[in-house]
């Protein structure tokens, strides 16, 4: 998301509106996955959180189907591999609030 979009009051409002929904979805994805000692969250948790929020803000819908999460770097600059996320299975019947 570009600087202009970040400063957009409507984008800020939507981000606040969607934050708990995104957290609910990602927390559901995280169930049963081993947590990292450094964060207490599974590898990819924050990448998925950011990806999902950006996707919703950009498209105004929840993602469907399987999406690849890009490679990332942890706080120690270690490479974290890409992984696939099946949004149909983790979103279920959840919908965006108005």
PDB file of N, CA and C in Angstrom:
ATOM      1  N   UNK A   1       0.853  -1.167   0.000  1.00  0.00           N
ATOM      2  CA  UNK A   1       0.000   0.000   0.000  1.00  0.00           C
ATOM      3  C   UNK A   1       0.896   1.226   0.000  1.00  0.00           C
ATOM      4  N   UNK A   2       0.598   2.187  -0.862  1.00  0.00           N
ATOM      5  CA  UNK A   2       1.393   3.400  -0.977  1.00  0.00           C
ATOM      6  C   UNK A   2       1.109   4.374   0.143  1.00  0.00           C
ATOM      7  N   UNK A   3       1.963   5.387   0.258  1.00  0.00           N
ATOM      8  CA  UNK A   3       1.843   6.403   1.311  1.00  0.00           C
ATOM      9  C   UNK A   3       0.490   7.108   1.251  1.00  0.00           C
ATOM     10  N   UNK A   4       0.023   7.436   0.049  1.00  0.00           N
ATOM     11  CA  UNK A   4      -1.270   8.122  -0.076  1.00  0.00           C
ATOM     12  C   UNK A   4      -2.407   7.266   0.462  1.00  0.00           C
ATOM     13  N   UNK A   5      -2.363   5.955   0.184  1.00  0.00           N
ATOM     14  CA  UNK A   5      -3.406   5.064   0.677  1.00  0.00           C
ATOM     15  C   UNK A   5      -3.336   4.944   2.194  1.00  0.00           C
ATOM     16  N   UNK A   6      -2.109   4.915   2.754  1.00  0.00           N
ATOM     17  CA  UNK A   6      -1.953   4.805   4.201  1.00  0.00           C
ATOM     18  C   UNK A   6      -2.526   6.030   4.908  1.00  0.00           C
ATOM     19  N   UNK A   7      -2.396   7.195   4.304  1.00  0.00           N
ATOM     20  CA  UNK A   7      -2.881   8.432   4.903  1.00  0.00           C
ATOM     21  C   UNK A   7      -4.370   8.656   4.670  1.00  0.00           C
ATOM     22  N   UNK A   8      -4.992   7.865   3.833  1.00  0.00           N
ATOM     23  CA  UNK A   8      -6.398   7.989   3.501  1.00  0.00           C
ATOM     24  C   UNK A   8      -7.244   7.675   4.745  1.00  0.00           C
ATOM     25  N   UNK A   9      -8.077   8.619   5.189  1.00  0.00           N
ATOM     26  CA  UNK A   9      -8.894   8.370   6.387  1.00  0.00           C
ATOM     27  C   UNK A   9      -9.807   7.151   6.250  1.00  0.00           C
ATOM     28  N   UNK A  10     -10.314   6.898   5.068  1.00  0.00           N
ATOM     29  CA  UNK A  10     -11.179   5.735   4.861  1.00  0.00           C
ATOM     30  C   UNK A  10     -10.389   4.446   5.032  1.00  0.00           C
ATOM     31  N   UNK A  11      -9.162   4.407   4.524  1.00  0.00           N
ATOM     32  CA  UNK A  11      -8.307   3.226   4.698  1.00  0.00           C
ATOM     33  C   UNK A  11      -8.002   3.008   6.176  1.00  0.00           C
ATOM     34  N   UNK A  12      -7.734   4.071   6.895  1.00  0.00           N
ATOM     35  CA  UNK A  12      -7.468   3.955   8.335  1.00  0.00           C
ATOM     36  C   UNK A  12      -8.696   3.420   9.061  1.00  0.00           C
ATOM     37  N   UNK A  13      -9.878   3.918   8.702  1.00  0.00           N
ATOM     38  CA  UNK A  13     -11.118   3.452   9.323  1.00  0.00           C
ATOM     39  C   UNK A  13     -11.326   1.962   9.065  1.00  0.00           C
ATOM     40  N   UNK A  14     -11.103   1.553   7.815  1.00  0.00           N
ATOM     41  CA  UNK A  14     -11.270   0.140   7.462  1.00  0.00           C
ATOM     42  C   UNK A  14     -10.260  -0.734   8.203  1.00  0.00           C
ATOM     43  N   UNK A  15      -9.041  -0.262   8.319  1.00  0.00           N
ATOM     44  CA  UNK A  15      -8.015  -1.049   9.013  1.00  0.00           C
ATOM     45  C   UNK A  15      -8.419  -1.290  10.464  1.00  0.00           C
ATOM     46  N   UNK A  16      -8.923  -0.269  11.117  1.00  0.00           N
ATOM     47  CA  UNK A  16      -9.408  -0.426  12.495  1.00  0.00           C
ATOM     48  C   UNK A  16     -10.575  -1.405  12.527  1.00  0.00           C
ATOM     49  N   UNK A  17     -11.495  -1.274  11.592  1.00  0.00           N
ATOM     50  CA  UNK A  17     -12.667  -2.130  11.513  1.00  0.00           C
ATOM     51  C   UNK A  17     -12.294  -3.599  11.307  1.00  0.00           C
ATOM     52  N   UNK A  18     -11.283  -3.858  10.472  1.00  0.00           N
ATOM     53  CA  UNK A  18     -10.930  -5.224  10.093  1.00  0.00           C
ATOM     54  C   UNK A  18      -9.876  -5.876  10.978  1.00  0.00           C
ATOM     55  N   UNK A  19      -9.239  -5.136  11.865  1.00  0.00           N
ATOM     56  CA  UNK A  19      -8.133  -5.686  12.652  1.00  0.00           C
ATOM     57  C   UNK A  19      -8.538  -6.918  13.457  1.00  0.00           C
ATOM     58  N   UNK A  20      -9.637  -6.871  14.179  1.00  0.00           N
ATOM     59  CA  UNK A  20     -10.025  -8.025  14.994  1.00  0.00           C
ATOM     60  C   UNK A  20     -10.441  -9.209  14.122  1.00  0.00           C
ATOM     61  N   UNK A  21     -11.062  -8.951  12.972  1.00  0.00           N
ATOM     62  CA  UNK A  21     -11.434 -10.020  12.047  1.00  0.00           C
ATOM     63  C   UNK A  21     -10.195 -10.723  11.499  1.00  0.00           C
ATOM     64  N   UNK A  22      -9.214  -9.932  11.085  1.00  0.00           N
ATOM     65  CA  UNK A  22      -7.970 -10.506  10.566  1.00  0.00           C
ATOM     66  C   UNK A  22      -7.293 -11.331  11.655  1.00  0.00           C
ATOM     67  N   UNK A  23      -7.246 -10.811  12.864  1.00  0.00           N
ATOM     68  CA  UNK A  23      -6.623 -11.548  13.966  1.00  0.00           C
ATOM     69  C   UNK A  23      -7.365 -12.861  14.224  1.00  0.00           C
ATOM     70  N   UNK A  24      -8.681 -12.837  14.188  1.00  0.00           N
ATOM     71  CA  UNK A  24      -9.481 -14.048  14.384  1.00  0.00           C
ATOM     72  C   UNK A  24      -9.144 -15.098  13.323  1.00  0.00           C
ATOM     73  N   UNK A  25      -9.065 -14.687  12.074  1.00  0.00           N
ATOM     74  CA  UNK A  25      -8.771 -15.613  10.977  1.00  0.00           C
ATOM     75  C   UNK A  25      -7.363 -16.185  11.120  1.00  0.00           C
ATOM     76  N   UNK A  26      -6.387 -15.335  11.370  1.00  0.00           N
ATOM     77  CA  UNK A  26      -4.998 -15.793  11.472  1.00  0.00           C
ATOM     78  C   UNK A  26      -4.802 -16.653  12.715  1.00  0.00           C
ATOM     79  N   UNK A  27      -5.461 -16.304  13.814  1.00  0.00           N
ATOM     80  CA  UNK A  27      -5.369 -17.144  15.017  1.00  0.00           C
ATOM     81  C   UNK A  27      -5.945 -18.532  14.752  1.00  0.00           C
ATOM     82  N   UNK A  28      -7.008 -18.622  13.965  1.00  0.00           N
ATOM     83  CA  UNK A  28      -7.554 -19.920  13.582  1.00  0.00           C
ATOM     84  C   UNK A  28      -6.573 -20.719  12.745  1.00  0.00           C
ATOM     85  N   UNK A  29      -5.898 -20.041  11.824  1.00  0.00           N
ATOM     86  CA  UNK A  29      -4.864 -20.695  11.009  1.00  0.00           C
ATOM     87  C   UNK A  29      -3.738 -21.203  11.901  1.00  0.00           C
ATOM     88  N   UNK A  30      -3.397 -20.468  12.942  1.00  0.00           N
ATOM     89  CA  UNK A  30      -2.246 -20.780  13.796  1.00  0.00           C
ATOM     90  C   UNK A  30      -2.490 -21.964  14.736  1.00  0.00           C
ATOM     91  N   UNK A  31      -3.753 -22.322  14.962  1.00  0.00           N
ATOM     92  CA  UNK A  31      -4.050 -23.415  15.893  1.00  0.00           C
ATOM     93  C   UNK A  31      -3.312 -24.695  15.503  1.00  0.00           C
ATOM     94  N   UNK A  32      -2.618 -25.262  16.466  1.00  0.00           N
ATOM     95  CA  UNK A  32      -1.922 -26.525  16.250  1.00  0.00           C
ATOM     96  C   UNK A  32      -0.552 -26.407  15.613  1.00  0.00           C
ATOM     97  N   UNK A  33      -0.171 -25.201  15.203  1.00  0.00           N
ATOM     98  CA  UNK A  33       1.150 -25.000  14.608  1.00  0.00           C
ATOM     99  C   UNK A  33       2.137 -24.664  15.728  1.00  0.00           C
ATOM    100  N   UNK A  34       3.356 -25.190  15.659  1.00  0.00           N
ATOM    101  CA  UNK A  34       4.314 -24.934  16.740  1.00  0.00           C
ATOM    102  C   UNK A  34       4.729 -23.467  16.797  1.00  0.00           C
ATOM    103  N   UNK A  35       4.696 -22.886  17.997  1.00  0.00           N
ATOM    104  CA  UNK A  35       5.106 -21.485  18.126  1.00  0.00           C
ATOM    105  C   UNK A  35       6.623 -21.341  18.114  1.00  0.00           C
ATOM    106  N   UNK A  36       7.064 -20.201  17.636  1.00  0.00           N
ATOM    107  CA  UNK A  36       8.484 -19.870  17.708  1.00  0.00           C
ATOM    108  C   UNK A  36       8.785 -19.363  19.117  1.00  0.00           C
ATOM    109  N   UNK A  37       9.965 -19.660  19.611  1.00  0.00           N
ATOM    110  CA  UNK A  37      10.339 -19.175  20.942  1.00  0.00           C
ATOM    111  C   UNK A  37      10.400 -17.653  20.976  1.00  0.00           C
ATOM    112  N   UNK A  38      10.821 -17.060  19.876  1.00  0.00           N
ATOM    113  CA  UNK A  38      11.036 -15.609  19.852  1.00  0.00           C
ATOM    114  C   UNK A  38       9.735 -14.805  19.913  1.00  0.00           C
ATOM    115  N   UNK A  39       8.640 -15.344  19.371  1.00  0.00           N
ATOM    116  CA  UNK A  39       7.402 -14.570  19.303  1.00  0.00           C
ATOM    117  C   UNK A  39       6.205 -15.242  19.974  1.00  0.00           C
ATOM    118  N   UNK A  40       6.288 -16.549  20.164  1.00  0.00           N
ATOM    119  CA  UNK A  40       5.135 -17.286  20.673  1.00  0.00           C
ATOM    120  C   UNK A  40       4.088 -17.560  19.609  1.00  0.00           C
ATOM    121  N   UNK A  41       4.372 -17.156  18.385  1.00  0.00           N
ATOM    122  CA  UNK A  41       3.471 -17.362  17.251  1.00  0.00           C
ATOM    123  C   UNK A  41       4.164 -18.278  16.246  1.00  0.00           C
ATOM    124  N   UNK A  42       3.404 -19.014  15.424  1.00  0.00           N
ATOM    125  CA  UNK A  42       4.036 -19.873  14.418  1.00  0.00           C
ATOM    126  C   UNK A  42       4.744 -19.054  13.335  1.00  0.00           C
ATOM    127  N   UNK A  43       5.697 -19.684  12.691  1.00  0.00           N
ATOM    128  CA  UNK A  43       6.393 -19.059  11.565  1.00  0.00           C
ATOM    129  C   UNK A  43       5.360 -18.657  10.516  1.00  0.00           C
ATOM    130  N   UNK A  44       5.437 -17.434  10.037  1.00  0.00           N
ATOM    131  CA  UNK A  44       4.522 -16.943   9.023  1.00  0.00           C
ATOM    132  C   UNK A  44       3.325 -16.197   9.577  1.00  0.00           C
ATOM    133  N   UNK A  45       3.134 -16.188  10.885  1.00  0.00           N
ATOM    134  CA  UNK A  45       1.962 -15.553  11.499  1.00  0.00           C
ATOM    135  C   UNK A  45       1.845 -14.085  11.096  1.00  0.00           C
ATOM    136  N   UNK A  46       2.926 -13.350  11.231  1.00  0.00           N
ATOM    137  CA  UNK A  46       2.861 -11.915  10.950  1.00  0.00           C
ATOM    138  C   UNK A  46       2.818 -11.627   9.449  1.00  0.00           C
ATOM    139  N   UNK A  47       3.472 -12.466   8.651  1.00  0.00           N
ATOM    140  CA  UNK A  47       3.356 -12.311   7.189  1.00  0.00           C
ATOM    141  C   UNK A  47       1.918 -12.528   6.747  1.00  0.00           C
ATOM    142  N   UNK A  48       1.283 -13.563   7.280  1.00  0.00           N
ATOM    143  CA  UNK A  48      -0.106 -13.845   6.921  1.00  0.00           C
ATOM    144  C   UNK A  48      -1.017 -12.720   7.405  1.00  0.00           C
ATOM    145  N   UNK A  49      -0.787 -12.217   8.602  1.00  0.00           N
ATOM    146  CA  UNK A  49      -1.590 -11.114   9.133  1.00  0.00           C
ATOM    147  C   UNK A  49      -1.499  -9.898   8.216  1.00  0.00           C
ATOM    148  N   UNK A  50      -0.288  -9.529   7.849  1.00  0.00           N
ATOM    149  CA  UNK A  50      -0.096  -8.368   6.972  1.00  0.00           C
ATOM    150  C   UNK A  50      -0.689  -8.608   5.588  1.00  0.00           C
ATOM    151  N   UNK A  51      -0.465  -9.796   5.035  1.00  0.00           N
ATOM    152  CA  UNK A  51      -0.991 -10.131   3.712  1.00  0.00           C
ATOM    153  C   UNK A  51      -2.511 -10.030   3.698  1.00  0.00           C
ATOM    154  N   UNK A  52      -3.146 -10.622   4.709  1.00  0.00           N
ATOM    155  CA  UNK A  52      -4.604 -10.637   4.748  1.00  0.00           C
ATOM    156  C   UNK A  52      -5.172  -9.222   4.888  1.00  0.00           C
ATOM    157  N   UNK A  53      -4.582  -8.419   5.754  1.00  0.00           N
ATOM    158  CA  UNK A  53      -5.060  -7.045   5.922  1.00  0.00           C
ATOM    159  C   UNK A  53      -4.899  -6.267   4.615  1.00  0.00           C
ATOM    160  N   UNK A  54      -3.748  -6.357   3.993  1.00  0.00           N
ATOM    161  CA  UNK A  54      -3.514  -5.635   2.739  1.00  0.00           C
ATOM    162  C   UNK A  54      -4.456  -6.112   1.647  1.00  0.00           C
ATOM    163  N   UNK A  55      -4.693  -7.424   1.586  1.00  0.00           N
ATOM    164  CA  UNK A  55      -5.602  -7.976   0.581  1.00  0.00           C
ATOM    165  C   UNK A  55      -7.006  -7.396   0.753  1.00  0.00           C
ATOM    166  N   UNK A  56      -7.499  -7.403   1.981  1.00  0.00           N
ATOM    167  CA  UNK A  56      -8.844  -6.894   2.250  1.00  0.00           C
ATOM    168  C   UNK A  56      -8.926  -5.405   1.927  1.00  0.00           C
ATOM    169  N   UNK A  57      -7.940  -4.634   2.369  1.00  0.00           N
ATOM    170  CA  UNK A  57      -7.968  -3.191   2.123  1.00  0.00           C
ATOM    171  C   UNK A  57      -7.903  -2.866   0.634  1.00  0.00           C
ATOM    172  N   UNK A  58      -7.147  -3.643  -0.107  1.00  0.00           N
ATOM    173  CA  UNK A  58      -6.979  -3.385  -1.540  1.00  0.00           C
ATOM    174  C   UNK A  58      -8.180  -3.862  -2.362  1.00  0.00           C
ATOM    175  N   UNK A  59      -8.750  -5.020  -1.984  1.00  0.00           N
ATOM    176  CA  UNK A  59      -9.797  -5.636  -2.796  1.00  0.00           C
ATOM    177  C   UNK A  59     -11.218  -5.491  -2.242  1.00  0.00           C
ATOM    178  N   UNK A  60     -11.345  -5.083  -0.996  1.00  0.00           N
ATOM    179  CA  UNK A  60     -12.638  -4.955  -0.325  1.00  0.00           C
ATOM    180  C   UNK A  60     -13.423  -6.260  -0.239  1.00  0.00           C
ATOM    181  N   UNK A  61     -12.722  -7.386  -0.277  1.00  0.00           N
ATOM    182  CA  UNK A  61     -13.315  -8.709  -0.103  1.00  0.00           C
ATOM    183  C   UNK A  61     -12.303  -9.590   0.614  1.00  0.00           C
ATOM    184  N   UNK A  62     -12.792 -10.710   1.153  1.00  0.00           N
ATOM    185  CA  UNK A  62     -11.893 -11.713   1.726  1.00  0.00           C
ATOM    186  C   UNK A  62     -11.341 -12.580   0.599  1.00  0.00           C
ATOM    187  N   UNK A  63     -10.104 -13.044   0.739  1.00  0.00           N
ATOM    188  CA  UNK A  63      -9.539 -13.897  -0.306  1.00  0.00           C
ATOM    189  C   UNK A  63     -10.226 -15.260  -0.342  1.00  0.00           C
ATOM    190  N   UNK A  64     -10.171 -15.883  -1.491  1.00  0.00           N
ATOM    191  CA  UNK A  64     -10.720 -17.227  -1.679  1.00  0.00           C
ATOM    192  C   UNK A  64      -9.651 -18.107  -2.274  1.00  0.00           C
ATOM    193  N   UNK A  65      -9.753 -19.392  -2.017  1.00  0.00           N
ATOM    194  CA  UNK A  65      -8.821 -20.351  -2.593  1.00  0.00           C
ATOM    195  C   UNK A  65      -7.458 -20.335  -1.919  1.00  0.00           C
ATOM    196  N   UNK A  66      -6.488 -20.873  -2.635  1.00  0.00           N
ATOM    197  CA  UNK A  66      -5.133 -21.024  -2.100  1.00  0.00           C
ATOM    198  C   UNK A  66      -4.256 -19.886  -2.595  1.00  0.00           C
ATOM    199  N   UNK A  67      -3.562 -19.257  -1.662  1.00  0.00           N
ATOM    200  CA  UNK A  67      -2.647 -18.158  -1.967  1.00  0.00           C
ATOM    201  C   UNK A  67      -1.268 -18.495  -1.407  1.00  0.00           C
ATOM    202  N   UNK A  68      -0.211 -18.240  -2.170  1.00  0.00           N
ATOM    203  CA  UNK A  68       1.138 -18.431  -1.627  1.00  0.00           C
ATOM    204  C   UNK A  68       1.553 -17.205  -0.812  1.00  0.00           C
ATOM    205  N   UNK A  69       2.044 -17.444   0.391  1.00  0.00           N
ATOM    206  CA  UNK A  69       2.636 -16.362   1.173  1.00  0.00           C
ATOM    207  C   UNK A  69       4.080 -16.223   0.711  1.00  0.00           C
ATOM    208  N   UNK A  70       4.533 -15.011   0.520  1.00  0.00           N
ATOM    209  CA  UNK A  70       5.912 -14.818   0.054  1.00  0.00           C
ATOM    210  C   UNK A  70       6.921 -15.204   1.124  1.00  0.00           C
ATOM    211  N   UNK A  71       8.149 -15.447   0.680  1.00  0.00           N
ATOM    212  CA  UNK A  71       9.232 -15.658   1.639  1.00  0.00           C
ATOM    213  C   UNK A  71       9.353 -14.419   2.508  1.00  0.00           C
ATOM    214  N   UNK A  72       9.909 -14.589   3.667  1.00  0.00           N
ATOM    215  CA  UNK A  72      10.084 -13.455   4.562  1.00  0.00           C
ATOM    216  C   UNK A  72      11.365 -13.582   5.356  1.00  0.00           C
ATOM    217  N   UNK A  73      11.577 -12.631   6.205  1.00  0.00           N
ATOM    218  CA  UNK A  73      12.733 -12.608   7.106  1.00  0.00           C
ATOM    219  C   UNK A  73      12.234 -12.437   8.529  1.00  0.00           C
ATOM    220  N   UNK A  74      12.811 -13.209   9.446  1.00  0.00           N
ATOM    221  CA  UNK A  74      12.444 -13.032  10.841  1.00  0.00           C
ATOM    222  C   UNK A  74      13.251 -11.883  11.431  1.00  0.00           C
ATOM    223  N   UNK A  75      13.062 -11.629  12.703  1.00  0.00           N
ATOM    224  CA  UNK A  75      13.732 -10.477  13.330  1.00  0.00           C
ATOM    225  C   UNK A  75      15.249 -10.625  13.370  1.00  0.00           C
ATOM    226  N   UNK A  76      15.753 -11.853  13.183  1.00  0.00           N
ATOM    227  CA  UNK A  76      17.199 -12.092  13.117  1.00  0.00           C
ATOM    228  C   UNK A  76      17.703 -12.134  11.679  1.00  0.00           C
ATOM    229  N   UNK A  77      16.852 -11.744  10.745  1.00  0.00           N
ATOM    230  CA  UNK A  77      17.148 -11.714   9.313  1.00  0.00           C
ATOM    231  C   UNK A  77      17.350 -13.114   8.722  1.00  0.00           C
ATOM    232  N   UNK A  78      16.817 -14.135   9.388  1.00  0.00           N
ATOM    233  CA  UNK A  78      16.849 -15.486   8.839  1.00  0.00           C
ATOM    234  C   UNK A  78      15.705 -15.643   7.846  1.00  0.00           C
ATOM    235  N   UNK A  79      15.972 -16.333   6.749  1.00  0.00           N
ATOM    236  CA  UNK A  79      14.965 -16.548   5.717  1.00  0.00           C
ATOM    237  C   UNK A  79      13.862 -17.470   6.225  1.00  0.00           C
ATOM    238  N   UNK A  80      12.625 -17.069   6.017  1.00  0.00           N
ATOM    239  CA  UNK A  80      11.475 -17.913   6.307  1.00  0.00           C
ATOM    240  C   UNK A  80      10.860 -18.296   4.964  1.00  0.00           C
ATOM    241  N   UNK A  81      10.615 -19.588   4.749  1.00  0.00           N
ATOM    242  CA  UNK A  81      10.142 -20.031   3.432  1.00  0.00           C
ATOM    243  C   UNK A  81       8.712 -19.608   3.127  1.00  0.00           C
ATOM    244  N   UNK A  82       8.417 -19.598   1.841  1.00  0.00           N
ATOM    245  CA  UNK A  82       7.055 -19.373   1.378  1.00  0.00           C
ATOM    246  C   UNK A  82       6.190 -20.550   1.818  1.00  0.00           C
ATOM    247  N   UNK A  83       4.894 -20.323   1.945  1.00  0.00           N
ATOM    248  CA  UNK A  83       3.975 -21.398   2.282  1.00  0.00           C
ATOM    249  C   UNK A  83       2.615 -21.083   1.667  1.00  0.00           C
ATOM    250  N   UNK A  84       1.805 -22.113   1.505  1.00  0.00           N
ATOM    251  CA  UNK A  84       0.475 -21.949   0.923  1.00  0.00           C
ATOM    252  C   UNK A  84      -0.568 -21.826   2.020  1.00  0.00           C
ATOM    253  N   UNK A  85      -1.568 -20.980   1.779  1.00  0.00           N
ATOM    254  CA  UNK A  85      -2.677 -20.828   2.712  1.00  0.00           C
ATOM    255  C   UNK A  85      -3.976 -21.050   1.942  1.00  0.00           C
ATOM    256  N   UNK A  86      -4.793 -21.967   2.444  1.00  0.00           N
ATOM    257  CA  UNK A  86      -6.104 -22.225   1.862  1.00  0.00           C
ATOM    258  C   UNK A  86      -7.116 -21.355   2.609  1.00  0.00           C
ATOM    259  N   UNK A  87      -7.432 -20.204   2.036  1.00  0.00           N
ATOM    260  CA  UNK A  87      -8.323 -19.264   2.704  1.00  0.00           C
ATOM    261  C   UNK A  87      -9.739 -19.808   2.831  1.00  0.00           C
ATOM    262  N   UNK A  88     -10.171 -20.661   1.923  1.00  0.00           N
ATOM    263  CA  UNK A  88     -11.514 -21.228   2.045  1.00  0.00           C
ATOM    264  C   UNK A  88     -11.645 -22.005   3.354  1.00  0.00           C
ATOM    265  N   UNK A  89     -10.598 -22.726   3.738  1.00  0.00           N
ATOM    266  CA  UNK A  89     -10.683 -23.535   4.959  1.00  0.00           C
ATOM    267  C   UNK A  89     -10.514 -22.705   6.225  1.00  0.00           C
ATOM    268  N   UNK A  90      -9.737 -21.633   6.187  1.00  0.00           N
ATOM    269  CA  UNK A  90      -9.549 -20.862   7.423  1.00  0.00           C
ATOM    270  C   UNK A  90     -10.579 -19.743   7.604  1.00  0.00           C
ATOM    271  N   UNK A  91     -11.224 -19.340   6.529  1.00  0.00           N
ATOM    272  CA  UNK A  91     -12.231 -18.279   6.642  1.00  0.00           C
ATOM    273  C   UNK A  91     -13.617 -18.857   6.906  1.00  0.00           C
ATOM    274  N   UNK A  92     -13.916 -19.983   6.269  1.00  0.00           N
ATOM    275  CA  UNK A  92     -15.229 -20.590   6.490  1.00  0.00           C
ATOM    276  C   UNK A  92     -16.351 -19.648   6.121  1.00  0.00           C
ATOM    277  N   UNK A  93     -17.275 -19.418   7.054  1.00  0.00           N
ATOM    278  CA  UNK A  93     -18.434 -18.572   6.761  1.00  0.00           C
ATOM    279  C   UNK A  93     -18.281 -17.157   7.319  1.00  0.00           C
ATOM    280  N   UNK A  94     -17.057 -16.762   7.653  1.00  0.00           N
ATOM    281  CA  UNK A  94     -16.787 -15.410   8.132  1.00  0.00           C
ATOM    282  C   UNK A  94     -16.987 -14.429   6.976  1.00  0.00           C
ATOM    283  N   UNK A  95     -17.539 -13.272   7.285  1.00  0.00           N
ATOM    284  CA  UNK A  95     -17.702 -12.237   6.257  1.00  0.00           C
ATOM    285  C   UNK A  95     -17.205 -10.917   6.798  1.00  0.00           C
ATOM    286  N   UNK A  96     -16.954  -9.991   5.887  1.00  0.00           N
ATOM    287  CA  UNK A  96     -16.481  -8.665   6.278  1.00  0.00           C
ATOM    288  C   UNK A  96     -17.607  -7.882   6.937  1.00  0.00           C
ATOM    289  N   UNK A  97     -17.267  -7.130   7.995  1.00  0.00           N
ATOM    290  CA  UNK A  97     -18.287  -6.248   8.583  1.00  0.00           C
ATOM    291  C   UNK A  97     -18.548  -5.062   7.666  1.00  0.00           C
ATOM    292  N   UNK A  98     -19.673  -4.444   7.815  1.00  0.00           N
ATOM    293  CA  UNK A  98     -20.022  -3.275   6.982  1.00  0.00           C
ATOM    294  C   UNK A  98     -19.354  -2.023   7.495  1.00  0.00           C
TER     295      UNK A  98
END
